[in-house]
PDB file of all heavy atoms in Angstrom:
ATOM      1  N   ILE A   1      12.759  89.068 -75.334  1.00  0.00           N
ATOM      2  CA  ILE A   1      12.582  88.153 -76.328  1.00  0.00           C
ATOM      3  C   ILE A   1      11.242  88.406 -77.063  1.00  0.00           C
ATOM      4  O   ILE A   1      10.269  88.610 -76.433  1.00  0.00           O
ATOM      5  CB  ILE A   1      12.394  86.703 -75.713  1.00  0.00           C
ATOM      6  CG1 ILE A   1      13.727  86.398 -74.867  1.00  0.00           C
ATOM      7  CG2 ILE A   1      12.342  85.675 -76.826  1.00  0.00           C
ATOM      8  CD1 ILE A   1      15.098  86.381 -75.632  1.00  0.00           C
ATOM      9  N   GLY A   2      11.467  88.420 -78.426  1.00  0.00           N
ATOM     10  CA  GLY A   2      10.246  88.629 -79.230  1.00  0.00           C
ATOM     11  C   GLY A   2       9.982  87.357 -80.108  1.00  0.00           C
ATOM     12  O   GLY A   2      10.854  86.659 -80.479  1.00  0.00           O
ATOM     13  N   TRP A   3       8.765  87.266 -80.384  1.00  0.00           N
ATOM     14  CA  TRP A   3       8.287  86.325 -81.545  1.00  0.00           C
ATOM     15  C   TRP A   3       7.740  87.116 -82.695  1.00  0.00           C
ATOM     16  O   TRP A   3       6.954  87.985 -82.598  1.00  0.00           O
ATOM     17  CB  TRP A   3       7.119  85.293 -81.010  1.00  0.00           C
ATOM     18  CG  TRP A   3       7.611  84.222 -80.059  1.00  0.00           C
ATOM     19  CD1 TRP A   3       7.590  84.095 -78.726  1.00  0.00           C
ATOM     20  CD2 TRP A   3       8.060  82.961 -80.441  1.00  0.00           C
ATOM     21  NE1 TRP A   3       7.989  82.961 -78.255  1.00  0.00           N
ATOM     22  CE2 TRP A   3       8.475  82.233 -79.298  1.00  0.00           C
ATOM     23  CE3 TRP A   3       8.413  82.527 -81.749  1.00  0.00           C
ATOM     24  CZ2 TRP A   3       8.884  80.966 -79.421  1.00  0.00           C
ATOM     25  CZ3 TRP A   3       8.984  81.175 -81.759  1.00  0.00           C
ATOM     26  CH2 TRP A   3       9.253  80.492 -80.653  1.00  0.00           C
ATOM     27  N   PHE A   4       8.207  86.677 -83.791  1.00  0.00           N
ATOM     28  CA  PHE A   4       7.811  87.193 -85.172  1.00  0.00           C
ATOM     29  C   PHE A   4       7.394  86.148 -86.070  1.00  0.00           C
ATOM     30  O   PHE A   4       7.765  85.024 -85.881  1.00  0.00           O
ATOM     31  CB  PHE A   4       9.055  88.137 -85.705  1.00  0.00           C
ATOM     32  CG  PHE A   4       9.543  89.106 -84.808  1.00  0.00           C
ATOM     33  CD1 PHE A   4      10.454  88.729 -83.757  1.00  0.00           C
ATOM     34  CD2 PHE A   4       9.153  90.350 -84.890  1.00  0.00           C
ATOM     35  CE1 PHE A   4      10.900  89.824 -82.927  1.00  0.00           C
ATOM     36  CE2 PHE A   4       9.527  91.440 -83.906  1.00  0.00           C
ATOM     37  CZ  PHE A   4      10.536  91.057 -82.931  1.00  0.00           C
ATOM     38  N   ARG A   5       6.685  86.586 -87.012  1.00  0.00           N
ATOM     39  CA  ARG A   5       6.353  85.485 -88.153  1.00  0.00           C
ATOM     40  C   ARG A   5       6.280  86.193 -89.540  1.00  0.00           C
ATOM     41  O   ARG A   5       6.235  87.473 -89.667  1.00  0.00           O
ATOM     42  CB  ARG A   5       4.897  84.954 -87.834  1.00  0.00           C
ATOM     43  CG  ARG A   5       3.770  85.955 -87.884  1.00  0.00           C
ATOM     44  CD  ARG A   5       2.505  85.385 -87.473  1.00  0.00           C
ATOM     45  NE  ARG A   5       1.308  86.272 -87.444  1.00  0.00           N
ATOM     46  CZ  ARG A   5       0.092  85.984 -86.936  1.00  0.00           C
ATOM     47  NH1 ARG A   5      -0.207  84.871 -86.434  1.00  0.00           N
ATOM     48  NH2 ARG A   5      -0.863  86.997 -87.107  1.00  0.00           N
ATOM     49  N   GLN A   6       6.488  85.346 -90.495  1.00  0.00           N
ATOM     50  CA  GLN A   6       6.546  85.818 -91.874  1.00  0.00           C
ATOM     51  C   GLN A   6       5.868  84.733 -92.786  1.00  0.00           C
ATOM     52  O   GLN A   6       6.312  83.658 -92.844  1.00  0.00           O
ATOM     53  CB  GLN A   6       7.900  86.192 -92.369  1.00  0.00           C
ATOM     54  CG  GLN A   6       7.866  86.761 -93.743  1.00  0.00           C
ATOM     55  CD  GLN A   6       9.271  87.454 -94.129  1.00  0.00           C
ATOM     56  OE1 GLN A   6      10.325  87.029 -93.481  1.00  0.00           O
ATOM     57  NE2 GLN A   6       9.245  88.407 -94.944  1.00  0.00           N
ATOM     58  N   ALA A   7       4.831  85.115 -93.527  1.00  0.00           N
ATOM     59  CA  ALA A   7       4.035  84.224 -94.463  1.00  0.00           C
ATOM     60  C   ALA A   7       4.665  84.644 -95.904  1.00  0.00           C
ATOM     61  O   ALA A   7       5.087  85.659 -96.090  1.00  0.00           O
ATOM     62  CB  ALA A   7       2.625  84.362 -94.410  1.00  0.00           C
ATOM     63  N   PRO A   8       4.596  83.649 -96.755  1.00  0.00           N
ATOM     64  CA  PRO A   8       5.053  83.929 -98.180  1.00  0.00           C
ATOM     65  C   PRO A   8       4.338  85.129 -98.775  1.00  0.00           C
ATOM     66  O   PRO A   8       3.130  85.246 -98.621  1.00  0.00           O
ATOM     67  CB  PRO A   8       4.648  82.624 -98.937  1.00  0.00           C
ATOM     68  CG  PRO A   8       4.603  81.541 -97.871  1.00  0.00           C
ATOM     69  CD  PRO A   8       4.050  82.269 -96.622  1.00  0.00           C
ATOM     70  N   GLY A   9       5.111  85.997 -99.306  1.00  0.00           N
ATOM     71  CA  GLY A   9       4.590  87.222 -99.881  1.00  0.00           C
ATOM     72  C   GLY A   9       4.213  88.371 -98.965  1.00  0.00           C
ATOM     73  O   GLY A   9       3.666  89.379 -99.485  1.00  0.00           O
ATOM     74  N   LYS A  10       4.461  88.184 -97.721  1.00  0.00           N
ATOM     75  CA  LYS A  10       4.118  89.282 -96.706  1.00  0.00           C
ATOM     76  C   LYS A  10       5.282  89.621 -95.906  1.00  0.00           C
ATOM     77  O   LYS A  10       6.287  88.956 -95.928  1.00  0.00           O
ATOM     78  CB  LYS A  10       2.971  88.678 -95.749  1.00  0.00           C
ATOM     79  CG  LYS A  10       1.710  88.301 -96.334  1.00  0.00           C
ATOM     80  CD  LYS A  10       0.702  87.916 -95.222  1.00  0.00           C
ATOM     81  CE  LYS A  10      -0.642  87.626 -95.912  1.00  0.00           C
ATOM     82  NZ  LYS A  10      -1.634  87.218 -94.889  1.00  0.00           N
ATOM     83  N   GLU A  11       5.156  90.795 -95.332  1.00  0.00           N
ATOM     84  CA  GLU A  11       6.350  91.352 -94.511  1.00  0.00           C
ATOM     85  C   GLU A  11       6.307  90.648 -93.185  1.00  0.00           C
ATOM     86  O   GLU A  11       5.400  90.107 -92.684  1.00  0.00           O
ATOM     87  CB  GLU A  11       6.141  92.876 -94.312  1.00  0.00           C
ATOM     88  CG  GLU A  11       6.149  93.755 -95.663  1.00  0.00           C
ATOM     89  CD  GLU A  11       6.073  95.144 -95.321  1.00  0.00           C
ATOM     90  OE1 GLU A  11       5.527  95.545 -94.193  1.00  0.00           O
ATOM     91  OE2 GLU A  11       6.384  95.922 -96.131  1.00  0.00           O
ATOM     92  N   ARG A  12       7.595  90.671 -92.522  1.00  0.00           N
ATOM     93  CA  ARG A  12       7.698  90.118 -91.300  1.00  0.00           C
ATOM     94  C   ARG A  12       6.841  90.924 -90.275  1.00  0.00           C
ATOM     95  O   ARG A  12       6.718  92.117 -90.323  1.00  0.00           O
ATOM     96  CB  ARG A  12       9.151  90.117 -90.771  1.00  0.00           C
ATOM     97  CG  ARG A  12       9.492  89.503 -89.501  1.00  0.00           C
ATOM     98  CD  ARG A  12      10.885  89.388 -89.182  1.00  0.00           C
ATOM     99  NE  ARG A  12      11.673  88.487 -90.260  1.00  0.00           N
ATOM    100  CZ  ARG A  12      12.917  88.121 -90.131  1.00  0.00           C
ATOM    101  NH1 ARG A  12      13.599  88.630 -89.209  1.00  0.00           N
ATOM    102  NH2 ARG A  12      13.433  87.375 -91.096  1.00  0.00           N
ATOM    103  N   GLU A  13       6.247  90.220 -89.398  1.00  0.00           N
ATOM    104  CA  GLU A  13       5.284  90.821 -88.404  1.00  0.00           C
ATOM    105  C   GLU A  13       5.507  90.441 -86.946  1.00  0.00           C
ATOM    106  O   GLU A  13       5.931  89.219 -86.670  1.00  0.00           O
ATOM    107  CB  GLU A  13       3.900  90.330 -88.837  1.00  0.00           C
ATOM    108  CG  GLU A  13       2.832  90.868 -87.739  1.00  0.00           C
ATOM    109  CD  GLU A  13       1.461  90.191 -87.923  1.00  0.00           C
ATOM    110  OE1 GLU A  13       1.483  89.089 -88.365  1.00  0.00           O
ATOM    111  OE2 GLU A  13       0.499  90.859 -87.725  1.00  0.00           O
ATOM    112  N   GLY A  14       5.687  91.516 -86.159  1.00  0.00           N
ATOM    113  CA  GLY A  14       5.852  91.204 -84.728  1.00  0.00           C
ATOM    114  C   GLY A  14       4.587  90.602 -84.141  1.00  0.00           C
ATOM    115  O   GLY A  14       3.442  91.065 -84.340  1.00  0.00           O
ATOM    116  N   VAL A  15       4.615  89.527 -83.479  1.00  0.00           N
ATOM    117  CA  VAL A  15       3.554  88.766 -82.813  1.00  0.00           C
ATOM    118  C   VAL A  15       3.395  89.110 -81.302  1.00  0.00           C
ATOM    119  O   VAL A  15       2.410  89.318 -80.787  1.00  0.00           O
ATOM    120  CB  VAL A  15       3.712  87.216 -83.082  1.00  0.00           C
ATOM    121  CG1 VAL A  15       2.468  86.557 -82.461  1.00  0.00           C
ATOM    122  CG2 VAL A  15       3.779  87.082 -84.563  1.00  0.00           C
ATOM    123  N   SER A  16       4.506  88.873 -80.582  1.00  0.00           N
ATOM    124  CA  SER A  16       4.445  89.046 -79.173  1.00  0.00           C
ATOM    125  C   SER A  16       6.010  89.146 -78.633  1.00  0.00           C
ATOM    126  O   SER A  16       6.912  88.812 -79.315  1.00  0.00           O
ATOM    127  CB  SER A  16       3.915  87.848 -78.491  1.00  0.00           C
ATOM    128  OG  SER A  16       3.752  87.974 -77.095  1.00  0.00           O
ATOM    129  N   CYS A  17       6.056  89.811 -77.472  1.00  0.00           N
ATOM    130  CA  CYS A  17       7.373  89.956 -76.901  1.00  0.00           C
ATOM    131  C   CYS A  17       7.140  90.075 -75.369  1.00  0.00           C
ATOM    132  O   CYS A  17       6.150  90.306 -74.871  1.00  0.00           O
ATOM    133  CB  CYS A  17       8.165  91.171 -77.357  1.00  0.00           C
ATOM    134  SG  CYS A  17       7.308  92.730 -77.012  1.00  0.00           S
ATOM    135  N   ILE A  18       8.194  89.624 -74.687  1.00  0.00           N
ATOM    136  CA  ILE A  18       8.268  89.577 -73.303  1.00  0.00           C
ATOM    137  C   ILE A  18       9.701  90.155 -72.777  1.00  0.00           C
ATOM    138  O   ILE A  18      10.697  89.821 -73.351  1.00  0.00           O
ATOM    139  CB  ILE A  18       8.099  88.089 -72.751  1.00  0.00           C
ATOM    140  CG1 ILE A  18       8.016  88.062 -71.252  1.00  0.00           C
ATOM    141  CG2 ILE A  18       9.209  87.133 -73.246  1.00  0.00           C
ATOM    142  CD1 ILE A  18       7.412  86.820 -70.693  1.00  0.00           C
ATOM    143  N   GLY A  19       9.488  91.103 -71.882  1.00  0.00           N
ATOM    144  CA  GLY A  19      10.537  91.811 -71.428  1.00  0.00           C
ATOM    145  C   GLY A  19      11.524  91.004 -70.414  1.00  0.00           C
ATOM    146  O   GLY A  19      11.006  90.101 -69.806  1.00  0.00           O
ATOM    147  N   SER A  20      12.671  91.481 -70.082  1.00  0.00           N
ATOM    148  CA  SER A  20      13.584  90.907 -69.070  1.00  0.00           C
ATOM    149  C   SER A  20      12.931  91.385 -67.667  1.00  0.00           C
ATOM    150  O   SER A  20      13.229  90.543 -66.705  1.00  0.00           O
ATOM    151  CB  SER A  20      14.976  91.487 -69.275  1.00  0.00           C
ATOM    152  OG  SER A  20      15.021  92.888 -69.145  1.00  0.00           O
ATOM    153  N   ARG A  21      12.297  92.436 -67.515  1.00  0.00           N
ATOM    154  CA  ARG A  21      11.633  92.818 -66.342  1.00  0.00           C
ATOM    155  C   ARG A  21      10.358  91.994 -66.228  1.00  0.00           C
ATOM    156  O   ARG A  21       9.702  91.688 -67.085  1.00  0.00           O
ATOM    157  CB  ARG A  21      11.349  94.231 -66.306  1.00  0.00           C
ATOM    158  CG  ARG A  21      12.620  95.141 -66.328  1.00  0.00           C
ATOM    159  CD  ARG A  21      12.190  96.696 -66.164  1.00  0.00           C
ATOM    160  NE  ARG A  21      13.430  97.487 -66.041  1.00  0.00           N
ATOM    161  CZ  ARG A  21      13.407  98.689 -65.923  1.00  0.00           C
ATOM    162  NH1 ARG A  21      12.269  99.421 -65.778  1.00  0.00           N
ATOM    163  NH2 ARG A  21      14.545  99.402 -65.826  1.00  0.00           N
ATOM    164  N   VAL A  22       9.955  91.736 -65.011  1.00  0.00           N
ATOM    165  CA  VAL A  22       8.854  90.941 -64.563  1.00  0.00           C
ATOM    166  C   VAL A  22       7.510  91.795 -65.066  1.00  0.00           C
ATOM    167  O   VAL A  22       7.426  93.009 -64.850  1.00  0.00           O
ATOM    168  CB  VAL A  22       8.691  90.718 -63.167  1.00  0.00           C
ATOM    169  CG1 VAL A  22       7.419  90.108 -62.777  1.00  0.00           C
ATOM    170  CG2 VAL A  22       9.833  89.823 -62.735  1.00  0.00           C
ATOM    171  N   GLY A  23       6.565  91.119 -65.787  1.00  0.00           N
ATOM    172  CA  GLY A  23       5.338  91.725 -66.040  1.00  0.00           C
ATOM    173  C   GLY A  23       5.266  92.482 -67.413  1.00  0.00           C
ATOM    174  O   GLY A  23       4.096  92.967 -67.739  1.00  0.00           O
ATOM    175  N   ILE A  24       6.274  92.607 -68.118  1.00  0.00           N
ATOM    176  CA  ILE A  24       6.293  93.297 -69.441  1.00  0.00           C
ATOM    177  C   ILE A  24       6.032  92.331 -70.537  1.00  0.00           C
ATOM    178  O   ILE A  24       6.800  91.462 -70.801  1.00  0.00           O
ATOM    179  CB  ILE A  24       7.562  94.097 -69.633  1.00  0.00           C
ATOM    180  CG1 ILE A  24       7.784  95.151 -68.623  1.00  0.00           C
ATOM    181  CG2 ILE A  24       7.529  94.764 -71.058  1.00  0.00           C
ATOM    182  CD1 ILE A  24       9.128  95.756 -68.653  1.00  0.00           C
ATOM    183  N   THR A  25       4.802  92.429 -71.253  1.00  0.00           N
ATOM    184  CA  THR A  25       4.437  91.613 -72.375  1.00  0.00           C
ATOM    185  C   THR A  25       3.656  92.495 -73.310  1.00  0.00           C
ATOM    186  O   THR A  25       3.120  93.532 -72.953  1.00  0.00           O
ATOM    187  CB  THR A  25       3.627  90.372 -72.025  1.00  0.00           C
ATOM    188  OG1 THR A  25       2.329  90.792 -71.325  1.00  0.00           O
ATOM    189  CG2 THR A  25       4.400  89.509 -71.106  1.00  0.00           C
ATOM    190  N   ALA A  26       3.684  92.031 -74.605  1.00  0.00           N
ATOM    191  CA  ALA A  26       2.941  92.760 -75.633  1.00  0.00           C
ATOM    192  C   ALA A  26       2.475  91.714 -76.724  1.00  0.00           C
ATOM    193  O   ALA A  26       3.165  90.701 -76.961  1.00  0.00           O
ATOM    194  CB  ALA A  26       3.782  94.003 -76.211  1.00  0.00           C
ATOM    195  N   TYR A  27       1.391  92.060 -77.300  1.00  0.00           N
ATOM    196  CA  TYR A  27       0.717  91.300 -78.367  1.00  0.00           C
ATOM    197  C   TYR A  27       0.267  92.123 -79.478  1.00  0.00           C
ATOM    198  O   TYR A  27      -0.313  93.102 -79.294  1.00  0.00           O
ATOM    199  CB  TYR A  27      -0.340  90.237 -77.917  1.00  0.00           C
ATOM    200  CG  TYR A  27       0.082  89.433 -76.712  1.00  0.00           C
ATOM    201  CD1 TYR A  27      -0.095  89.877 -75.428  1.00  0.00           C
ATOM    202  CD2 TYR A  27       0.448  88.157 -76.975  1.00  0.00           C
ATOM    203  CE1 TYR A  27       0.320  89.094 -74.333  1.00  0.00           C
ATOM    204  CE2 TYR A  27       0.803  87.206 -76.024  1.00  0.00           C
ATOM    205  CZ  TYR A  27       0.657  87.718 -74.663  1.00  0.00           C
ATOM    206  OH  TYR A  27       0.980  86.856 -73.541  1.00  0.00           O
ATOM    207  N   VAL A  28       0.355  91.587 -80.759  1.00  0.00           N
ATOM    208  CA  VAL A  28      -0.221  92.226 -81.856  1.00  0.00           C
ATOM    209  C   VAL A  28      -1.825  91.953 -81.721  1.00  0.00           C
ATOM    210  O   VAL A  28      -2.192  90.860 -81.155  1.00  0.00           O
ATOM    211  CB  VAL A  28       0.237  91.749 -83.160  1.00  0.00           C
ATOM    212  CG1 VAL A  28      -0.032  90.263 -83.382  1.00  0.00           C
ATOM    213  CG2 VAL A  28      -0.106  92.594 -84.343  1.00  0.00           C
ATOM    214  N   ASN A  29      -2.659  92.898 -82.282  1.00  0.00           N
ATOM    215  CA  ASN A  29      -4.054  92.730 -81.920  1.00  0.00           C
ATOM    216  C   ASN A  29      -4.619  91.503 -82.519  1.00  0.00           C
ATOM    217  O   ASN A  29      -5.658  90.984 -82.005  1.00  0.00           O
ATOM    218  CB  ASN A  29      -4.731  93.961 -82.530  1.00  0.00           C
ATOM    219  CG  ASN A  29      -4.622  95.142 -81.746  1.00  0.00           C
ATOM    220  OD1 ASN A  29      -4.236  95.175 -80.549  1.00  0.00           O
ATOM    221  ND2 ASN A  29      -4.718  96.433 -82.443  1.00  0.00           N
ATOM    222  N   SER A  30      -4.065  91.049 -83.639  1.00  0.00           N
ATOM    223  CA  SER A  30      -4.663  89.798 -84.339  1.00  0.00           C
ATOM    224  C   SER A  30      -4.527  88.542 -83.425  1.00  0.00           C
ATOM    225  O   SER A  30      -5.343  87.594 -83.700  1.00  0.00           O
ATOM    226  CB  SER A  30      -4.087  89.679 -85.632  1.00  0.00           C
ATOM    227  OG  SER A  30      -2.722  89.379 -85.659  1.00  0.00           O
ATOM    228  N   VAL A  31      -3.615  88.524 -82.445  1.00  0.00           N
ATOM    229  CA  VAL A  31      -3.451  87.277 -81.662  1.00  0.00           C
ATOM    230  C   VAL A  31      -3.892  87.567 -80.214  1.00  0.00           C
ATOM    231  O   VAL A  31      -3.796  86.510 -79.398  1.00  0.00           O
ATOM    232  CB  VAL A  31      -2.060  86.712 -81.736  1.00  0.00           C
ATOM    233  CG1 VAL A  31      -1.606  86.593 -83.093  1.00  0.00           C
ATOM    234  CG2 VAL A  31      -1.058  87.716 -80.923  1.00  0.00           C
ATOM    235  N   LYS A  32      -4.214  88.773 -79.902  1.00  0.00           N
ATOM    236  CA  LYS A  32      -4.521  89.022 -78.491  1.00  0.00           C
ATOM    237  C   LYS A  32      -5.762  88.194 -78.013  1.00  0.00           C
ATOM    238  O   LYS A  32      -6.738  88.076 -78.681  1.00  0.00           O
ATOM    239  CB  LYS A  32      -4.877  90.520 -78.263  1.00  0.00           C
ATOM    240  CG  LYS A  32      -4.955  91.054 -76.904  1.00  0.00           C
ATOM    241  CD  LYS A  32      -5.024  92.546 -76.764  1.00  0.00           C
ATOM    242  CE  LYS A  32      -3.719  93.186 -77.360  1.00  0.00           C
ATOM    243  NZ  LYS A  32      -3.822  94.781 -77.398  1.00  0.00           N
ATOM    244  N   GLY A  33      -5.602  87.569 -76.852  1.00  0.00           N
ATOM    245  CA  GLY A  33      -6.681  86.752 -76.348  1.00  0.00           C
ATOM    246  C   GLY A  33      -6.468  85.345 -76.720  1.00  0.00           C
ATOM    247  O   GLY A  33      -7.195  84.387 -76.253  1.00  0.00           O
ATOM    248  N   ARG A  34      -5.555  84.956 -77.778  1.00  0.00           N
ATOM    249  CA  ARG A  34      -5.405  83.543 -78.303  1.00  0.00           C
ATOM    250  C   ARG A  34      -4.048  83.041 -77.959  1.00  0.00           C
ATOM    251  O   ARG A  34      -3.835  81.900 -77.842  1.00  0.00           O
ATOM    252  CB  ARG A  34      -5.718  83.642 -79.889  1.00  0.00           C
ATOM    253  CG  ARG A  34      -7.104  84.019 -80.294  1.00  0.00           C
ATOM    254  CD  ARG A  34      -7.293  83.719 -81.710  1.00  0.00           C
ATOM    255  NE  ARG A  34      -6.520  84.510 -82.588  1.00  0.00           N
ATOM    256  CZ  ARG A  34      -5.638  83.999 -83.436  1.00  0.00           C
ATOM    257  NH1 ARG A  34      -5.497  82.727 -83.624  1.00  0.00           N
ATOM    258  NH2 ARG A  34      -4.858  84.778 -84.257  1.00  0.00           N
ATOM    259  N   PHE A  35      -3.226  84.056 -77.992  1.00  0.00           N
ATOM    260  CA  PHE A  35      -1.667  83.619 -77.795  1.00  0.00           C
ATOM    261  C   PHE A  35      -1.223  84.098 -76.442  1.00  0.00           C
ATOM    262  O   PHE A  35      -1.604  85.171 -75.984  1.00  0.00           O
ATOM    263  CB  PHE A  35      -0.735  84.193 -78.895  1.00  0.00           C
ATOM    264  CG  PHE A  35      -0.881  83.632 -80.186  1.00  0.00           C
ATOM    265  CD1 PHE A  35      -1.987  82.779 -80.626  1.00  0.00           C
ATOM    266  CD2 PHE A  35       0.047  83.908 -81.245  1.00  0.00           C
ATOM    267  CE1 PHE A  35      -2.129  82.332 -81.897  1.00  0.00           C
ATOM    268  CE2 PHE A  35      -0.138  83.597 -82.512  1.00  0.00           C
ATOM    269  CZ  PHE A  35      -1.156  82.726 -82.838  1.00  0.00           C
TER     270      PHE A  35
END
């Protein structure tokens, strides 16, 4: 499962994702430590 976001006038951006396997997660640098 992934979370994505899109602001007006900007391209869609990947924010975070979590894998079906235990322990697999990822974050875009701009939200790391906050989300």
